[in-house]
Amino acid sequence: MNHAMKKLLQFALGPISGAIISFVTVPLITYFLLPEEIGRAGMFTMVQALMPTICLGLDQAYTREFYVEDDKKNLLLNSMLLPFSLAVLVFIIFTINSAFFSRILFDQDNYNLVVILIGFSAITTVLQRFILLKIRMEEKALEYSIFTFALKIIIFLLTFIFIIFIRTDFLSIVYAKIIGQMVICCVLVFRYVDSSDISMFKVNKKLKKKLLFFGMPLVISVLVENLLKSSSTIALRYFSDFEELGLFSIGNQVTNLLMVIQASFMLIWKPIAYRWHEEKRKMKDYQLVSEIVLAVMSFVFLALLFLRPVIAIFISGQFDEAQYLLGFLSFYPIMFTLMTTTKLGIRFSRKNYLSVIAAIASLLVNLLLNILFIPNLGALGAAIAIGVSYVFYFILLTFLSFSVWEGFSIKKHLCIISLMLAIAVVDVLYPNQIIYVKIGCLILFLIIHKRIFHIIIKYGFNFKKANL
């Protein structure tokens, strides 16, 4: 486990440094850009977030078969072929229909170049995703972190240059992101893709069928998950205006910093979880990991709300209302992180249709809440919809996972999550009195997580020594 923690820290270097850069970017864009412009940038970000869907679940199939297949190069190319072909098709469609997509996304038909670049980013997304997966599965932690950091720093520097010297609209964000992604993608291809491997590549039909059998059921799940993540942005675009969308985007950008925890944890946890499954590890080991994650994320949630006034200082006054969205918006990264410890039964049993059921049900809940709240509450309504939907998603996905797996008790999870929802409501309704509630919950969380902190302090992460 000490080796695992070392790897985790190495893998975390890139996401942590990237999160710091992202946080520095927030005051830069809020100071120079209007909320409407950031709202349009939010639409661009949403489309890019949907791009991994074109991987057709084959990226997940690649990680699943990595420890099974001996020929890793052949596995990578067979996994990448279909998504890359689909990405080229997406680029062609966006190019031919650029005026149409420009009106849909930005309410104007003169952003054709932006749409074409978004289409091209589908290609870079596929290449970058699979190559980084290769690095991750080979547990080359420092290399992974270097490329993750390099992407963030290049995008930040380009954003700074565009905003300060060239233009102060959403296109500064768009051009910076796409150019940065192109640069990193070219470096990754040059360094990790051997032309001789491509020339000698042959489609392995048996392997392809095996990959598709695992990956295709995930397509609907991944698509619905991405729609769930993006549905509030889409609803704000059509039920509200770009100003409210801008507030929502800034709130999302702040809470997405919490995804550094999820990203760092999942990088090392996923291969460990599969390894533990092969080793037939005891269920209490999985439960301990889940409760550690719960403890960390609950204190991160409180820290975010304690620091809300400080965060407000770093964003421009015209985005001040965004600070009141943070409580509910934080449930997306928190629940998403917790899911990685409780949905393992679905992955181990390969019954991926259960993920589809949970994702579709959660999307329907989200759509209903968006319709109810956004017309009157705007960005706050969208934040509430996201928060409640992801809590529902976590509970349902966990229940379905445990229906095909031994599972473990999540009573502590449900107790903590209920308290967090209550705190988020109070933070919106009584922002001036919230400090007393937060202090009370901090003491309560310390009591509830006493066993976890005792284990960590006494044994670190040496589970064998702790007899767990």
Protein backbone atom coordinates (compact mmCIF):
# COMPACT_ATOMS: atom_id res chain seq x y z
CA MET A 1 0.00 0.00 0.00
CA ASN A 2 2.99 2.29 0.60
CA HIS A 3 3.94 1.75 -3.05
CA ALA A 4 0.38 2.60 -4.03
CA MET A 5 0.51 5.83 -2.03
CA LYS A 6 3.78 6.77 -3.71
CA LYS A 7 2.18 6.22 -7.10
CA LEU A 8 -0.89 8.16 -6.03
CA LEU A 9 1.23 11.15 -5.05
CA GLN A 10 3.10 11.02 -8.35
CA PHE A 11 -0.11 10.75 -10.34
CA ALA A 12 -1.59 13.60 -8.28
CA LEU A 13 1.18 16.06 -9.16
CA GLY A 14 -0.30 16.83 -12.57
CA PRO A 15 -3.94 17.22 -11.50
CA ILE A 16 -2.98 19.25 -8.38
CA SER A 17 -0.76 21.64 -10.32
CA GLY A 18 -3.46 21.83 -13.00
CA ALA A 19 -6.06 22.68 -10.36
CA ILE A 20 -3.89 25.51 -9.07
CA ILE A 21 -3.55 26.87 -12.59
CA SER A 22 -7.31 26.59 -13.15
CA PHE A 23 -7.94 28.51 -9.93
CA VAL A 24 -5.57 31.28 -11.04
CA THR A 25 -7.43 31.44 -14.36
CA VAL A 26 -10.78 32.21 -12.66
CA PRO A 27 -9.97 35.78 -11.52
CA LEU A 28 -8.32 36.46 -14.88
CA ILE A 29 -11.38 35.63 -16.96
CA THR A 30 -13.93 37.07 -14.51
CA TYR A 31 -12.09 40.40 -14.40
CA PHE A 32 -11.82 40.87 -18.17
CA LEU A 33 -14.84 38.97 -19.55
CA LEU A 34 -18.56 39.69 -19.14
CA PRO A 35 -20.83 36.98 -17.73
CA GLU A 36 -22.47 36.60 -21.17
CA GLU A 37 -19.09 35.83 -22.77
CA ILE A 38 -18.23 33.26 -20.12
CA GLY A 39 -21.68 31.77 -20.70
CA ARG A 40 -20.84 31.25 -24.37
CA ALA A 41 -17.49 29.77 -23.35
CA GLY A 42 -19.49 27.42 -21.12
CA MET A 43 -21.35 26.10 -24.16
CA PHE A 44 -18.01 25.38 -25.84
CA THR A 45 -16.77 23.61 -22.72
CA MET A 46 -19.96 21.54 -22.60
CA VAL A 47 -19.51 20.31 -26.19
CA GLN A 48 -15.90 19.38 -25.49
CA ALA A 49 -16.98 17.48 -22.40
CA LEU A 50 -19.27 15.37 -24.60
CA MET A 51 -16.46 14.46 -27.02
CA PRO A 52 -15.16 11.41 -25.07
CA THR A 53 -18.50 9.76 -25.85
CA ILE A 54 -17.21 9.01 -29.34
CA CYS A 55 -14.73 6.59 -27.79
CA LEU A 56 -17.73 4.20 -27.69
CA GLY A 57 -16.64 2.76 -24.36
CA LEU A 58 -13.53 1.29 -25.98
CA ASP A 59 -11.32 3.42 -23.73
CA GLN A 60 -12.86 1.64 -20.74
CA ALA A 61 -12.53 -1.70 -22.53
CA TYR A 62 -8.84 -0.96 -23.10
CA THR A 63 -8.23 -0.50 -19.37
CA ARG A 64 -10.26 -3.61 -18.60
CA GLU A 65 -8.21 -5.83 -20.94
CA PHE A 66 -4.82 -4.21 -20.30
CA TYR A 67 -3.73 -6.80 -17.73
CA VAL A 68 -5.19 -9.66 -19.78
CA GLU A 69 -3.68 -9.07 -23.24
CA ASP A 70 0.03 -9.67 -23.79
CA ASP A 71 0.38 -7.53 -26.93
CA LYS A 72 -0.23 -4.05 -25.47
CA LYS A 73 0.48 -2.19 -28.74
CA ASN A 74 -2.01 -4.27 -30.67
CA LEU A 75 -4.57 -3.77 -27.90
CA LEU A 76 -4.12 0.01 -28.03
CA LEU A 77 -4.47 0.30 -31.81
CA ASN A 78 -7.46 -2.05 -31.98
CA SER A 79 -9.13 -0.05 -29.22
CA MET A 80 -8.41 3.29 -30.89
CA LEU A 81 -9.32 2.51 -34.52
CA LEU A 82 -13.11 2.87 -34.37
CA PRO A 83 -13.18 5.96 -32.09
CA PHE A 84 -10.60 7.69 -34.31
CA SER A 85 -12.67 6.97 -37.43
CA LEU A 86 -15.78 8.32 -35.72
CA ALA A 87 -13.87 11.44 -34.62
CA VAL A 88 -12.94 12.16 -38.25
CA LEU A 89 -16.63 11.80 -39.17
CA VAL A 90 -17.61 14.25 -36.40
CA PHE A 91 -15.06 16.74 -37.75
CA ILE A 92 -16.56 16.46 -41.24
CA ILE A 93 -20.13 16.92 -39.95
CA PHE A 94 -19.21 19.98 -37.88
CA THR A 95 -17.35 21.49 -40.83
CA ILE A 96 -20.22 21.01 -43.30
CA ASN A 97 -22.86 22.29 -40.84
CA SER A 98 -20.79 24.97 -39.08
CA ALA A 99 -23.40 27.75 -39.43
CA PHE A 100 -26.14 25.53 -37.97
CA PHE A 101 -24.09 24.50 -34.93
CA SER A 102 -22.99 28.12 -34.46
CA ARG A 103 -26.62 29.23 -34.05
CA ILE A 104 -27.43 26.33 -31.74
CA LEU A 105 -24.47 26.90 -29.45
CA PHE A 106 -23.83 30.63 -29.51
CA ASP A 107 -27.12 32.15 -30.79
CA GLN A 108 -25.26 33.57 -33.79
CA ASP A 109 -24.30 32.06 -37.15
CA ASN A 110 -20.93 33.77 -37.63
CA TYR A 111 -18.77 31.53 -35.43
CA ASN A 112 -18.09 28.98 -38.18
CA LEU A 113 -14.36 28.73 -37.47
CA VAL A 114 -15.02 28.01 -33.81
CA VAL A 115 -17.39 25.16 -34.73
CA ILE A 116 -14.85 23.70 -37.17
CA LEU A 117 -12.16 23.81 -34.47
CA ILE A 118 -14.53 22.11 -32.02
CA GLY A 119 -15.03 19.36 -34.61
CA PHE A 120 -11.28 18.98 -35.05
CA SER A 121 -10.86 18.73 -31.28
CA ALA A 122 -12.78 15.44 -31.48
CA ILE A 123 -9.73 13.94 -33.21
CA THR A 124 -7.24 15.34 -30.70
CA THR A 125 -9.49 14.21 -27.83
CA VAL A 126 -9.44 10.58 -28.99
CA LEU A 127 -5.69 10.49 -29.58
CA GLN A 128 -4.88 12.26 -26.33
CA ARG A 129 -7.29 10.13 -24.29
CA PHE A 130 -5.94 6.76 -25.46
CA ILE A 131 -2.28 7.71 -25.25
CA LEU A 132 -2.69 9.11 -21.74
CA LEU A 133 -4.58 5.94 -20.80
CA LYS A 134 -1.62 3.94 -22.05
CA ILE A 135 0.75 5.98 -19.86
CA ARG A 136 -1.59 5.65 -16.89
CA MET A 137 -2.05 1.88 -17.19
CA GLU A 138 1.71 1.45 -17.44
CA GLU A 139 1.81 3.37 -14.13
CA LYS A 140 4.24 5.96 -15.49
CA ALA A 141 3.00 8.41 -12.92
CA LEU A 142 5.48 11.25 -13.39
CA GLU A 143 5.15 11.22 -17.18
CA TYR A 144 1.38 11.36 -16.85
CA SER A 145 1.61 14.30 -14.46
CA ILE A 146 4.06 16.16 -16.69
CA PHE A 147 1.73 16.03 -19.68
CA THR A 148 -1.31 16.92 -17.57
CA PHE A 149 0.51 19.92 -16.13
CA ALA A 150 1.92 20.95 -19.51
CA LEU A 151 -1.57 21.03 -21.03
CA LYS A 152 -2.89 23.26 -18.24
CA ILE A 153 0.04 25.66 -18.27
CA ILE A 154 -0.02 26.04 -22.06
CA ILE A 155 -3.76 26.77 -22.02
CA PHE A 156 -3.30 29.28 -19.18
CA LEU A 157 -0.48 31.12 -20.94
CA LEU A 158 -2.40 31.25 -24.21
CA THR A 159 -5.53 32.48 -22.40
CA PHE A 160 -3.48 35.21 -20.73
CA ILE A 161 -1.95 36.27 -24.06
CA PHE A 162 -5.29 36.30 -25.88
CA ILE A 163 -7.13 38.25 -23.15
CA ILE A 164 -4.41 40.81 -22.42
CA PHE A 165 -3.14 41.45 -25.94
CA ILE A 166 -5.70 40.28 -28.49
CA ARG A 167 -9.37 40.11 -27.45
CA THR A 168 -11.67 40.08 -24.42
CA ASP A 169 -14.46 37.74 -25.48
CA PHE A 170 -15.17 34.03 -25.18
CA LEU A 171 -13.06 33.29 -28.26
CA SER A 172 -9.93 33.94 -26.19
CA ILE A 173 -10.85 30.90 -24.06
CA VAL A 174 -11.83 28.79 -27.08
CA TYR A 175 -8.67 29.44 -29.09
CA ALA A 176 -6.41 28.96 -26.06
CA LYS A 177 -7.92 25.57 -25.19
CA ILE A 178 -7.94 24.18 -28.72
CA ILE A 179 -4.40 25.33 -29.56
CA GLY A 180 -3.13 23.95 -26.24
CA GLN A 181 -4.79 20.59 -26.88
CA MET A 182 -3.33 20.43 -30.39
CA VAL A 183 0.20 21.09 -29.09
CA ILE A 184 0.03 18.38 -26.40
CA CYS A 185 -1.62 15.92 -28.79
CA CYS A 186 1.19 16.38 -31.33
CA VAL A 187 3.83 15.80 -28.64
CA LEU A 188 2.06 12.66 -27.37
CA VAL A 189 1.72 11.19 -30.87
CA PHE A 190 5.34 11.97 -31.74
CA ARG A 191 6.63 10.43 -28.50
CA TYR A 192 4.41 7.37 -28.04
CA VAL A 193 3.10 6.34 -31.46
CA ASP A 194 5.59 4.42 -33.59
CA SER A 195 4.92 4.55 -37.33
CA SER A 196 6.25 1.00 -37.67
CA ASP A 197 3.56 -0.23 -35.26
CA ILE A 198 0.90 1.43 -37.41
CA SER A 199 2.27 0.00 -40.66
CA MET A 200 2.34 -3.52 -39.17
CA PHE A 201 -1.05 -3.16 -37.50
CA LYS A 202 -3.72 -5.72 -38.31
CA VAL A 203 -7.28 -5.72 -37.08
CA ASN A 204 -7.79 -8.53 -34.60
CA LYS A 205 -11.45 -9.40 -35.12
CA LYS A 206 -11.64 -11.61 -32.06
CA LEU A 207 -10.11 -8.93 -29.85
CA LYS A 208 -12.25 -6.23 -31.47
CA LYS A 209 -15.39 -8.24 -30.75
CA LYS A 210 -14.27 -8.70 -27.16
CA LEU A 211 -13.59 -4.97 -26.75
CA LEU A 212 -16.91 -3.98 -28.32
CA PHE A 213 -18.80 -6.51 -26.20
CA PHE A 214 -17.48 -4.80 -23.07
CA GLY A 215 -17.42 -1.23 -24.37
CA MET A 216 -20.66 -0.84 -26.36
CA PRO A 217 -23.00 -1.21 -23.38
CA LEU A 218 -20.98 1.59 -21.78
CA VAL A 219 -21.70 3.96 -24.71
CA ILE A 220 -25.24 4.70 -23.59
CA SER A 221 -24.06 4.97 -19.98
CA VAL A 222 -21.21 7.35 -20.87
CA LEU A 223 -23.48 9.38 -23.14
CA VAL A 224 -26.19 9.69 -20.50
CA GLU A 225 -23.60 10.48 -17.81
CA ASN A 226 -22.21 13.27 -19.99
CA LEU A 227 -25.73 14.53 -20.72
CA LEU A 228 -26.45 14.48 -16.99
CA LYS A 229 -23.35 16.56 -16.40
CA SER A 230 -24.25 18.94 -19.25
CA SER A 231 -28.05 19.04 -19.01
CA SER A 232 -28.16 22.01 -16.65
CA THR A 233 -25.93 23.98 -19.02
CA ILE A 234 -28.26 23.14 -21.92
CA ALA A 235 -31.34 23.99 -19.82
CA LEU A 236 -29.86 27.36 -18.83
CA ARG A 237 -29.14 28.06 -22.50
CA TYR A 238 -32.83 27.63 -23.42
CA PHE A 239 -34.73 28.47 -20.20
CA SER A 240 -32.59 31.40 -19.08
CA ASP A 241 -29.86 33.61 -20.60
CA PHE A 242 -26.09 33.70 -21.17
CA GLU A 243 -25.57 35.83 -18.02
CA GLU A 244 -27.00 33.13 -15.75
CA LEU A 245 -25.06 30.56 -17.75
CA GLY A 246 -21.92 32.59 -17.08
CA LEU A 247 -22.54 32.52 -13.30
CA PHE A 248 -23.16 28.77 -13.48
CA SER A 249 -19.97 28.24 -15.51
CA ILE A 250 -17.83 30.13 -12.98
CA GLY A 251 -19.35 28.18 -10.10
CA ASN A 252 -18.63 24.98 -11.99
CA GLN A 253 -15.06 26.05 -12.67
CA VAL A 254 -14.45 26.59 -8.96
CA THR A 255 -16.01 23.31 -7.79
CA ASN A 256 -14.35 21.39 -10.61
CA LEU A 257 -11.13 22.00 -8.70
CA LEU A 258 -12.40 19.22 -6.45
CA MET A 259 -12.15 16.88 -9.42
CA VAL A 260 -8.41 16.86 -8.82
CA ILE A 261 -9.13 14.58 -5.86
CA GLN A 262 -11.35 12.32 -7.95
CA ALA A 263 -8.88 12.23 -10.85
CA SER A 264 -5.87 11.52 -8.62
CA PHE A 265 -7.71 8.84 -6.67
CA MET A 266 -9.20 7.08 -9.70
CA LEU A 267 -5.85 6.97 -11.50
CA ILE A 268 -4.43 4.65 -8.89
CA TRP A 269 -7.63 3.08 -7.51
CA LYS A 270 -8.93 1.62 -10.76
CA PRO A 271 -5.99 -0.77 -11.41
CA ILE A 272 -5.77 -1.56 -7.69
CA ALA A 273 -9.48 -2.43 -7.53
CA TYR A 274 -9.16 -4.85 -10.47
CA ARG A 275 -6.05 -6.36 -8.88
CA TRP A 276 -7.83 -6.76 -5.55
CA HIS A 277 -10.71 -8.48 -7.35
CA GLU A 278 -8.31 -11.00 -8.88
CA GLU A 279 -6.69 -11.52 -5.48
CA LYS A 280 -10.15 -11.99 -3.87
CA ARG A 281 -9.53 -9.34 -1.24
CA LYS A 282 -11.95 -9.10 1.66
CA MET A 283 -14.91 -6.75 1.44
CA LYS A 284 -13.79 -4.81 4.52
CA ASP A 285 -10.79 -3.55 2.54
CA TYR A 286 -13.10 -2.03 -0.08
CA GLN A 287 -15.29 -0.58 2.67
CA LEU A 288 -12.32 1.02 4.40
CA VAL A 289 -11.23 2.73 1.18
CA SER A 290 -14.78 3.97 0.59
CA GLU A 291 -15.06 5.38 4.12
CA ILE A 292 -11.68 7.09 3.82
CA VAL A 293 -12.87 8.75 0.60
CA LEU A 294 -16.13 9.73 2.33
CA ALA A 295 -14.22 11.31 5.22
CA VAL A 296 -11.92 13.25 2.91
CA MET A 297 -14.70 14.50 0.65
CA SER A 298 -16.98 15.54 3.52
CA PHE A 299 -14.24 17.69 5.02
CA VAL A 300 -13.41 19.10 1.60
CA PHE A 301 -17.09 20.06 1.28
CA LEU A 302 -16.99 21.92 4.60
CA ALA A 303 -13.69 23.56 3.70
CA LEU A 304 -15.19 24.84 0.44
CA LEU A 305 -18.09 26.47 2.30
CA PHE A 306 -15.81 27.88 5.00
CA LEU A 307 -13.68 29.45 2.25
CA ARG A 308 -16.65 30.73 0.23
CA PRO A 309 -16.13 34.40 1.29
CA VAL A 310 -12.44 34.11 0.43
CA ILE A 311 -13.23 32.61 -2.98
CA ALA A 312 -15.63 35.51 -3.63
CA ILE A 313 -12.70 37.92 -3.27
CA PHE A 314 -10.89 36.26 -6.17
CA ILE A 315 -13.75 36.65 -8.64
CA SER A 316 -15.04 39.88 -10.12
CA GLY A 317 -18.00 41.57 -8.40
CA GLN A 318 -20.27 40.88 -11.36
CA PHE A 319 -19.91 37.17 -10.58
CA ASP A 320 -20.51 37.53 -6.82
CA GLU A 321 -23.72 35.46 -6.92
CA ALA A 322 -21.72 32.45 -8.15
CA GLN A 323 -20.41 31.84 -4.61
CA TYR A 324 -23.87 30.73 -3.45
CA LEU A 325 -23.89 27.93 -6.03
CA LEU A 326 -20.81 26.20 -4.67
CA GLY A 327 -22.52 24.02 -2.06
CA PHE A 328 -24.84 22.26 -4.49
CA LEU A 329 -22.36 22.22 -7.39
CA SER A 330 -19.79 20.44 -5.24
CA PHE A 331 -22.00 17.34 -5.09
CA TYR A 332 -21.00 16.45 -8.66
CA PRO A 333 -17.28 15.87 -7.92
CA ILE A 334 -18.00 14.50 -4.43
CA MET A 335 -20.58 11.92 -5.52
CA PHE A 336 -18.54 11.05 -8.59
CA THR A 337 -15.55 10.30 -6.38
CA LEU A 338 -17.59 8.18 -3.97
CA MET A 339 -19.08 6.21 -6.88
CA THR A 340 -15.67 4.88 -7.83
CA THR A 341 -15.62 2.91 -4.56
CA THR A 342 -19.19 1.54 -4.65
CA LYS A 343 -19.92 0.79 -8.32
CA LEU A 344 -17.25 -1.89 -8.57
CA GLY A 345 -19.80 -4.70 -8.59
CA ILE A 346 -21.04 -3.53 -11.99
CA ARG A 347 -17.53 -3.47 -13.42
CA PHE A 348 -16.50 -6.81 -11.92
CA SER A 349 -19.66 -8.56 -13.13
CA ARG A 350 -19.49 -6.74 -16.50
CA LYS A 351 -23.22 -5.98 -16.17
CA ASN A 352 -22.79 -2.50 -17.56
CA TYR A 353 -26.47 -2.18 -18.41
CA LEU A 354 -26.99 -1.44 -14.70
CA SER A 355 -24.94 1.75 -15.12
CA VAL A 356 -27.20 2.68 -18.03
CA ILE A 357 -30.32 2.24 -15.89
CA ALA A 358 -28.90 4.41 -13.11
CA ALA A 359 -27.69 7.09 -15.51
CA ILE A 360 -30.98 7.33 -17.40
CA ALA A 361 -33.03 7.50 -14.17
CA SER A 362 -30.75 10.25 -12.83
CA LEU A 363 -30.96 12.19 -16.10
CA LEU A 364 -34.76 12.11 -15.93
CA VAL A 365 -34.62 13.42 -12.35
CA ASN A 366 -32.24 16.16 -13.48
CA LEU A 367 -34.44 17.19 -16.42
CA LEU A 368 -37.49 17.42 -14.15
CA LEU A 369 -35.63 19.54 -11.59
CA ASN A 370 -34.25 21.79 -14.34
CA ILE A 371 -37.77 22.45 -15.64
CA LEU A 372 -39.03 23.18 -12.12
CA PHE A 373 -36.20 25.39 -10.85
CA ILE A 374 -34.36 27.13 -13.70
CA PRO A 375 -37.16 29.41 -15.02
CA ASN A 376 -37.47 31.05 -11.56
CA LEU A 377 -34.06 30.54 -9.95
CA GLY A 378 -31.73 30.62 -12.96
CA ALA A 379 -28.19 29.46 -12.14
CA LEU A 380 -29.16 28.54 -8.56
CA GLY A 381 -31.91 26.28 -9.89
CA ALA A 382 -29.43 24.57 -12.18
CA ALA A 383 -27.02 24.05 -9.25
CA ILE A 384 -29.77 22.51 -7.10
CA ALA A 385 -30.74 20.19 -9.98
CA ILE A 386 -27.15 19.03 -10.41
CA GLY A 387 -26.60 18.46 -6.68
CA VAL A 388 -29.78 16.49 -6.03
CA SER A 389 -29.43 14.47 -9.25
CA TYR A 390 -25.92 13.28 -8.40
CA VAL A 391 -26.94 12.27 -4.88
CA PHE A 392 -29.76 10.23 -6.44
CA TYR A 393 -27.30 8.81 -8.98
CA PHE A 394 -24.86 7.71 -6.28
CA ILE A 395 -27.55 5.97 -4.23
CA LEU A 396 -29.15 4.15 -7.18
CA LEU A 397 -25.83 3.14 -8.75
CA THR A 398 -24.58 1.81 -5.43
CA PHE A 399 -27.80 -0.16 -4.87
CA LEU A 400 -27.55 -1.75 -8.34
CA SER A 401 -23.86 -2.50 -7.87
CA PHE A 402 -24.49 -4.26 -4.57
CA SER A 403 -27.27 -6.30 -6.17
CA VAL A 404 -24.60 -8.17 -8.18
CA TRP A 405 -21.78 -7.92 -5.63
CA GLU A 406 -21.45 -8.66 -1.95
CA GLY A 407 -21.12 -4.96 -1.17
CA PHE A 408 -20.85 -3.30 2.23
CA SER A 409 -22.86 -1.02 4.50
CA ILE A 410 -23.29 2.60 3.35
CA LYS A 411 -25.31 3.83 6.33
CA LYS A 412 -22.49 6.20 7.24
CA HIS A 413 -22.42 7.48 3.65
CA LEU A 414 -26.14 8.24 3.67
CA CYS A 415 -25.91 10.00 7.04
CA ILE A 416 -23.05 12.25 5.93
CA ILE A 417 -24.62 13.02 2.55
CA SER A 418 -27.91 14.01 4.22
CA LEU A 419 -26.05 16.41 6.49
CA MET A 420 -24.20 17.89 3.51
CA LEU A 421 -27.46 18.49 1.63
CA ALA A 422 -28.91 20.22 4.68
CA ILE A 423 -25.83 22.44 4.96
CA ALA A 424 -26.08 23.36 1.25
CA VAL A 425 -29.72 24.43 1.73
CA VAL A 426 -28.89 26.53 4.81
CA ASP A 427 -25.95 28.10 2.96
CA VAL A 428 -28.36 29.43 0.32
CA LEU A 429 -31.22 30.46 2.63
CA TYR A 430 -29.23 31.85 5.57
CA PRO A 431 -25.74 32.73 4.30
CA ASN A 432 -24.99 35.01 7.26
CA GLN A 433 -25.79 32.37 9.90
CA ILE A 434 -24.17 29.42 8.11
CA ILE A 435 -20.93 29.69 10.10
CA TYR A 436 -22.56 28.23 13.22
CA VAL A 437 -24.03 25.32 11.27
CA LYS A 438 -20.68 24.61 9.65
CA ILE A 439 -18.85 24.56 12.98
CA GLY A 440 -21.46 22.20 14.42
CA CYS A 441 -21.18 19.88 11.42
CA LEU A 442 -17.38 19.95 11.61
CA ILE A 443 -17.54 18.64 15.18
CA LEU A 444 -20.14 16.05 14.18
CA PHE A 445 -18.04 14.86 11.20
CA LEU A 446 -15.00 14.48 13.47
CA ILE A 447 -17.04 12.25 15.78
CA ILE A 448 -18.50 10.14 12.96
CA HIS A 449 -15.13 9.67 11.24
CA LYS A 450 -13.23 9.01 14.49
CA ARG A 451 -12.42 5.38 13.59
CA ILE A 452 -11.10 6.33 10.14
CA PHE A 453 -8.82 9.03 11.51
CA HIS A 454 -7.59 6.68 14.24
CA ILE A 455 -6.61 4.08 11.63
CA ILE A 456 -4.89 6.64 9.38
CA ILE A 457 -2.98 8.28 12.24
CA LYS A 458 -1.91 4.98 13.83
CA TYR A 459 -1.23 2.83 10.79
CA GLY A 460 -1.07 5.18 7.83
CA PHE A 461 -2.18 3.13 4.82
CA ASN A 462 -0.56 -0.14 5.90
CA PHE A 463 -3.77 -2.20 5.99
CA LYS A 464 -1.98 -5.44 6.77
CA LYS A 465 -0.42 -3.98 9.89
CA ALA A 466 -3.83 -2.63 10.88
CA ASN A 467 -5.21 -6.18 10.45
CA LEU A 468 -7.84 -4.94 8.01
